[in-house]
Amino acid sequence: MKKAKKITFVLILVAVAVCVVGTTLAWLQDSEGPVVNTFTPSNVKIDLDETQTEREFKMVPGWTIAKEPYVTVEAGSEDCFVFIEVIKSDNLDEYIDYAIVADDPDTEAFEGWRALEGNEGVYYRTVKDIASNQEFGILAGGSNEDMEGFAPFTWTADQVLVKPTVTEKMMEDLATEGNPTLSFKAYAVQLWKNNTEEFKPEEAWAIAKPVVTP
């Protein structure tokens, strides 16, 4: 009888041990992550330069002057609007003729600068998928066909023309009124307002050069 009791006690201890081990194995667990999101910056970067190192040019009536301003949109920039603003002296048009590279509706593959409606002297274009530097010339060729009394003459891109109508008296007048000047300023603004909607050109220009009210 005592022997039977001993055996029963041992069996109870074994049962308790099994229960303890079973309890330890019942805690299931797992872990993952963290999932890290890194938000990197974006930008729109442009450069405005001119191949001519000279900045002052002698005017001779009827002569062309090489002037090669261009805008570069740098590689890696986001899709963007690029604007150029023509800044000229009040007397420039009396002395110098020039033209801006513009859209040609008859040539689908060509995309030039478009005049921004309601903003004289402001032109724009859109630039997308900028994997490498994109360069855009500003000045187009032209013709003096509309100048009565002068033989027809054309000039190439990246040039301006000293009008053949300029007289010696007009040259002398510059001593008091100041020499004519022509310059350009470039701006860039991101093209997309959000994931699905582009800015309108007028909206982008307002961002590039906001109107300051006194």
Protein backbone atom coordinates (compact mmCIF):
# COMPACT_ATOMS: atom_id res chain seq x y z
CA MET A 1 0.00 0.00 0.00
CA LYS A 2 2.82 2.39 0.91
CA LYS A 3 4.53 1.50 -2.33
CA ALA A 4 1.41 2.34 -4.29
CA LYS A 5 1.17 5.71 -2.61
CA LYS A 6 4.75 6.49 -3.55
CA ILE A 7 4.08 5.68 -7.19
CA THR A 8 1.01 7.91 -7.18
CA PHE A 9 3.00 10.81 -5.72
CA VAL A 10 5.65 10.48 -8.40
CA LEU A 11 3.04 10.48 -11.12
CA ILE A 12 1.48 13.62 -9.69
CA LEU A 13 4.89 15.37 -9.72
CA VAL A 14 5.41 14.36 -13.33
CA ALA A 15 2.01 15.71 -14.24
CA VAL A 16 2.78 19.02 -12.55
CA ALA A 17 6.10 19.25 -14.37
CA VAL A 18 4.36 18.68 -17.71
CA CYS A 19 1.87 21.40 -16.92
CA VAL A 20 4.66 23.88 -16.13
CA VAL A 21 6.52 23.10 -19.35
CA GLY A 22 3.32 23.29 -21.33
CA THR A 23 2.52 26.72 -19.90
CA THR A 24 5.94 28.08 -20.92
CA LEU A 25 5.57 26.94 -24.54
CA ALA A 26 2.08 28.47 -24.87
CA TRP A 27 3.32 32.12 -25.18
CA LEU A 28 3.40 32.67 -28.98
CA GLN A 29 5.21 35.78 -30.22
CA ASP A 30 6.58 37.52 -33.31
CA SER A 31 8.03 40.91 -34.32
CA GLU A 32 8.61 42.87 -37.53
CA GLY A 33 9.92 46.24 -38.66
CA PRO A 34 10.29 49.07 -38.20
CA VAL A 35 9.34 50.21 -41.71
CA VAL A 36 11.37 53.40 -42.23
CA ASN A 37 10.15 56.12 -44.62
CA THR A 38 12.80 58.69 -45.50
CA PHE A 39 11.59 61.89 -47.16
CA THR A 40 14.24 63.43 -49.37
CA PRO A 41 14.21 67.01 -50.69
CA SER A 42 13.31 68.00 -54.23
CA ASN A 43 14.21 71.17 -56.08
CA VAL A 44 14.00 73.19 -59.24
CA LYS A 45 17.31 74.72 -60.26
CA ILE A 46 18.07 76.94 -63.25
CA ASP A 47 20.96 79.00 -64.54
CA LEU A 48 20.94 82.00 -66.88
CA ASP A 49 24.11 82.75 -68.79
CA GLU A 50 25.47 84.17 -72.02
CA THR A 51 28.25 82.82 -74.20
CA GLN A 52 29.45 86.33 -75.05
CA THR A 53 31.88 87.61 -72.45
CA GLU A 54 31.40 91.22 -73.55
CA ARG A 55 28.55 93.16 -72.04
CA GLU A 56 28.88 96.39 -74.05
CA PHE A 57 28.51 96.43 -77.83
CA LYS A 58 29.21 99.20 -80.31
CA MET A 59 26.22 99.97 -82.50
CA VAL A 60 26.75 100.34 -86.25
CA PRO A 61 23.53 100.87 -88.25
CA GLY A 62 22.58 97.76 -90.23
CA TRP A 63 25.02 95.50 -88.41
CA THR A 64 24.14 92.41 -86.38
CA ILE A 65 25.59 91.78 -82.93
CA ALA A 66 26.09 88.29 -81.52
CA LYS A 67 24.18 87.90 -78.27
CA GLU A 68 23.56 84.38 -76.99
CA PRO A 69 21.64 84.26 -73.71
CA TYR A 70 20.33 80.84 -72.68
CA VAL A 71 18.59 79.22 -69.73
CA THR A 72 19.72 75.88 -68.32
CA VAL A 73 17.42 73.69 -66.25
CA GLU A 74 19.75 71.51 -64.22
CA ALA A 75 19.58 67.71 -64.14
CA GLY A 76 17.41 66.27 -61.39
CA SER A 77 15.09 69.27 -61.23
CA GLU A 78 11.38 68.57 -60.92
CA ASP A 79 9.04 69.24 -63.84
CA CYS A 80 8.71 73.00 -64.01
CA PHE A 81 7.62 76.19 -65.68
CA VAL A 82 10.53 78.33 -66.83
CA PHE A 83 9.88 82.03 -67.38
CA ILE A 84 12.01 84.71 -68.99
CA GLU A 85 11.36 88.38 -68.48
CA VAL A 86 12.63 90.85 -71.05
CA ILE A 87 13.91 94.01 -69.39
CA LYS A 88 14.76 96.84 -71.75
CA SER A 89 15.33 100.56 -71.70
CA ASP A 90 12.61 102.83 -73.05
CA ASN A 91 14.71 103.73 -76.08
CA LEU A 92 15.84 100.20 -77.04
CA ASP A 93 13.26 99.65 -79.78
CA GLU A 94 14.42 102.80 -81.59
CA TYR A 95 17.89 101.33 -82.01
CA ILE A 96 17.77 97.53 -81.75
CA ASP A 97 15.61 94.86 -83.36
CA TYR A 98 15.39 91.38 -81.78
CA ALA A 99 13.05 88.40 -81.63
CA ILE A 100 12.28 85.73 -79.02
CA VAL A 101 12.36 82.04 -79.96
CA ALA A 102 8.63 81.32 -80.17
CA ASP A 103 6.33 78.38 -80.75
CA ASP A 104 5.90 77.41 -84.37
CA PRO A 105 2.36 76.03 -84.78
CA ASP A 106 3.35 74.40 -88.10
CA THR A 107 6.13 72.33 -86.55
CA GLU A 108 4.85 69.91 -83.93
CA ALA A 109 8.31 68.81 -82.80
CA PHE A 110 9.41 72.35 -81.99
CA GLU A 111 8.58 73.98 -78.71
CA GLY A 112 9.71 77.53 -78.05
CA TRP A 113 8.78 80.25 -75.61
CA ARG A 114 5.13 81.28 -75.36
CA ALA A 115 4.12 84.84 -74.60
CA LEU A 116 2.30 85.01 -71.26
CA GLU A 117 -1.01 86.68 -71.98
CA GLY A 118 -1.51 89.99 -70.18
CA ASN A 119 2.18 90.25 -69.20
CA GLU A 120 4.22 92.16 -71.76
CA GLY A 121 7.78 90.96 -72.12
CA VAL A 122 7.16 87.69 -70.20
CA TYR A 123 7.54 84.29 -71.91
CA TYR A 124 7.34 80.76 -70.58
CA ARG A 125 7.79 77.09 -71.40
CA THR A 126 7.28 73.79 -69.57
CA VAL A 127 10.16 71.38 -69.00
CA LYS A 128 9.62 67.75 -67.96
CA ASP A 129 11.63 64.57 -67.25
CA ILE A 130 14.87 66.42 -66.58
CA ALA A 131 17.37 63.58 -66.42
CA SER A 132 20.17 65.74 -67.81
CA ASN A 133 20.81 69.47 -68.17
CA GLN A 134 18.35 71.11 -70.57
CA GLU A 135 19.47 74.29 -72.37
CA PHE A 136 17.13 76.73 -74.08
CA GLY A 137 18.20 79.65 -76.25
CA ILE A 138 16.23 82.89 -76.04
CA LEU A 139 16.90 84.97 -79.15
CA ALA A 140 15.59 83.95 -82.56
CA GLY A 141 16.55 85.17 -86.00
CA GLY A 142 14.60 87.90 -87.74
CA SER A 143 14.14 90.00 -90.82
CA ASN A 144 13.96 93.70 -91.70
CA GLU A 145 11.47 93.11 -94.52
CA ASP A 146 9.05 95.59 -92.97
CA MET A 147 11.58 98.45 -93.12
CA GLU A 148 10.63 100.47 -96.14
CA GLY A 149 13.46 101.75 -98.28
CA PHE A 150 15.99 99.12 -97.18
CA ALA A 151 17.09 95.96 -98.95
CA PRO A 152 15.59 92.82 -97.34
CA PHE A 153 17.93 91.35 -94.79
CA THR A 154 17.66 88.44 -92.37
CA TRP A 155 19.73 87.51 -89.37
CA THR A 156 20.19 84.24 -87.50
CA ALA A 157 19.37 83.14 -83.97
CA ASP A 158 21.47 84.48 -81.11
CA GLN A 159 21.84 87.88 -82.76
CA VAL A 160 20.26 91.30 -82.54
CA LEU A 161 20.16 93.89 -85.31
CA VAL A 162 21.15 97.53 -85.07
CA LYS A 163 18.37 99.11 -87.07
CA PRO A 164 19.51 100.65 -90.35
CA THR A 165 17.17 103.54 -89.55
CA VAL A 166 19.49 104.72 -86.76
CA THR A 167 21.02 108.09 -87.68
CA GLU A 168 24.10 109.93 -86.52
CA LYS A 169 21.84 112.43 -84.74
CA MET A 170 20.20 109.57 -82.82
CA MET A 171 23.65 108.38 -81.78
CA GLU A 172 24.51 111.85 -80.50
CA ASP A 173 21.27 112.01 -78.52
CA LEU A 174 22.40 109.04 -76.46
CA ALA A 175 24.83 111.31 -74.62
CA THR A 176 21.86 112.84 -72.83
CA GLU A 177 19.20 110.09 -72.88
CA GLY A 178 21.48 107.15 -72.04
CA ASN A 179 22.48 104.10 -74.03
CA PRO A 180 19.85 101.47 -74.88
CA THR A 181 20.00 98.28 -72.79
CA LEU A 182 18.54 94.80 -73.14
CA SER A 183 18.60 92.17 -70.41
CA PHE A 184 16.78 89.00 -69.37
CA LYS A 185 15.78 87.50 -66.06
CA ALA A 186 14.83 83.84 -65.61
CA TYR A 187 12.50 82.20 -63.10
CA ALA A 188 11.41 78.60 -62.44
CA VAL A 189 8.38 77.23 -60.60
CA GLN A 190 7.32 73.62 -60.06
CA LEU A 191 4.85 72.44 -62.69
CA TRP A 192 2.57 70.29 -60.54
CA LYS A 193 0.27 71.81 -57.91
CA ASN A 194 -0.46 68.35 -56.51
CA ASN A 195 -0.36 64.72 -57.68
CA THR A 196 -2.83 65.23 -60.52
CA GLU A 197 -3.13 68.96 -61.26
CA GLU A 198 -0.71 71.33 -62.97
CA PHE A 199 -0.45 75.01 -62.15
CA LYS A 200 -1.77 77.33 -64.81
CA PRO A 201 0.94 79.56 -66.34
CA GLU A 202 -0.60 82.67 -64.76
CA GLU A 203 -0.63 80.99 -61.33
CA ALA A 204 3.00 79.93 -61.66
CA TRP A 205 4.04 83.44 -62.74
CA ALA A 206 2.28 84.90 -59.69
CA ILE A 207 4.40 82.55 -57.54
CA ALA A 208 7.60 83.41 -59.41
CA LYS A 209 7.08 87.16 -59.24
CA PRO A 210 4.29 88.04 -56.81
CA VAL A 211 2.71 91.45 -57.15
CA VAL A 212 3.75 93.67 -54.26
CA THR A 213 1.03 96.12 -53.30
CA PRO A 214 2.18 99.30 -51.52
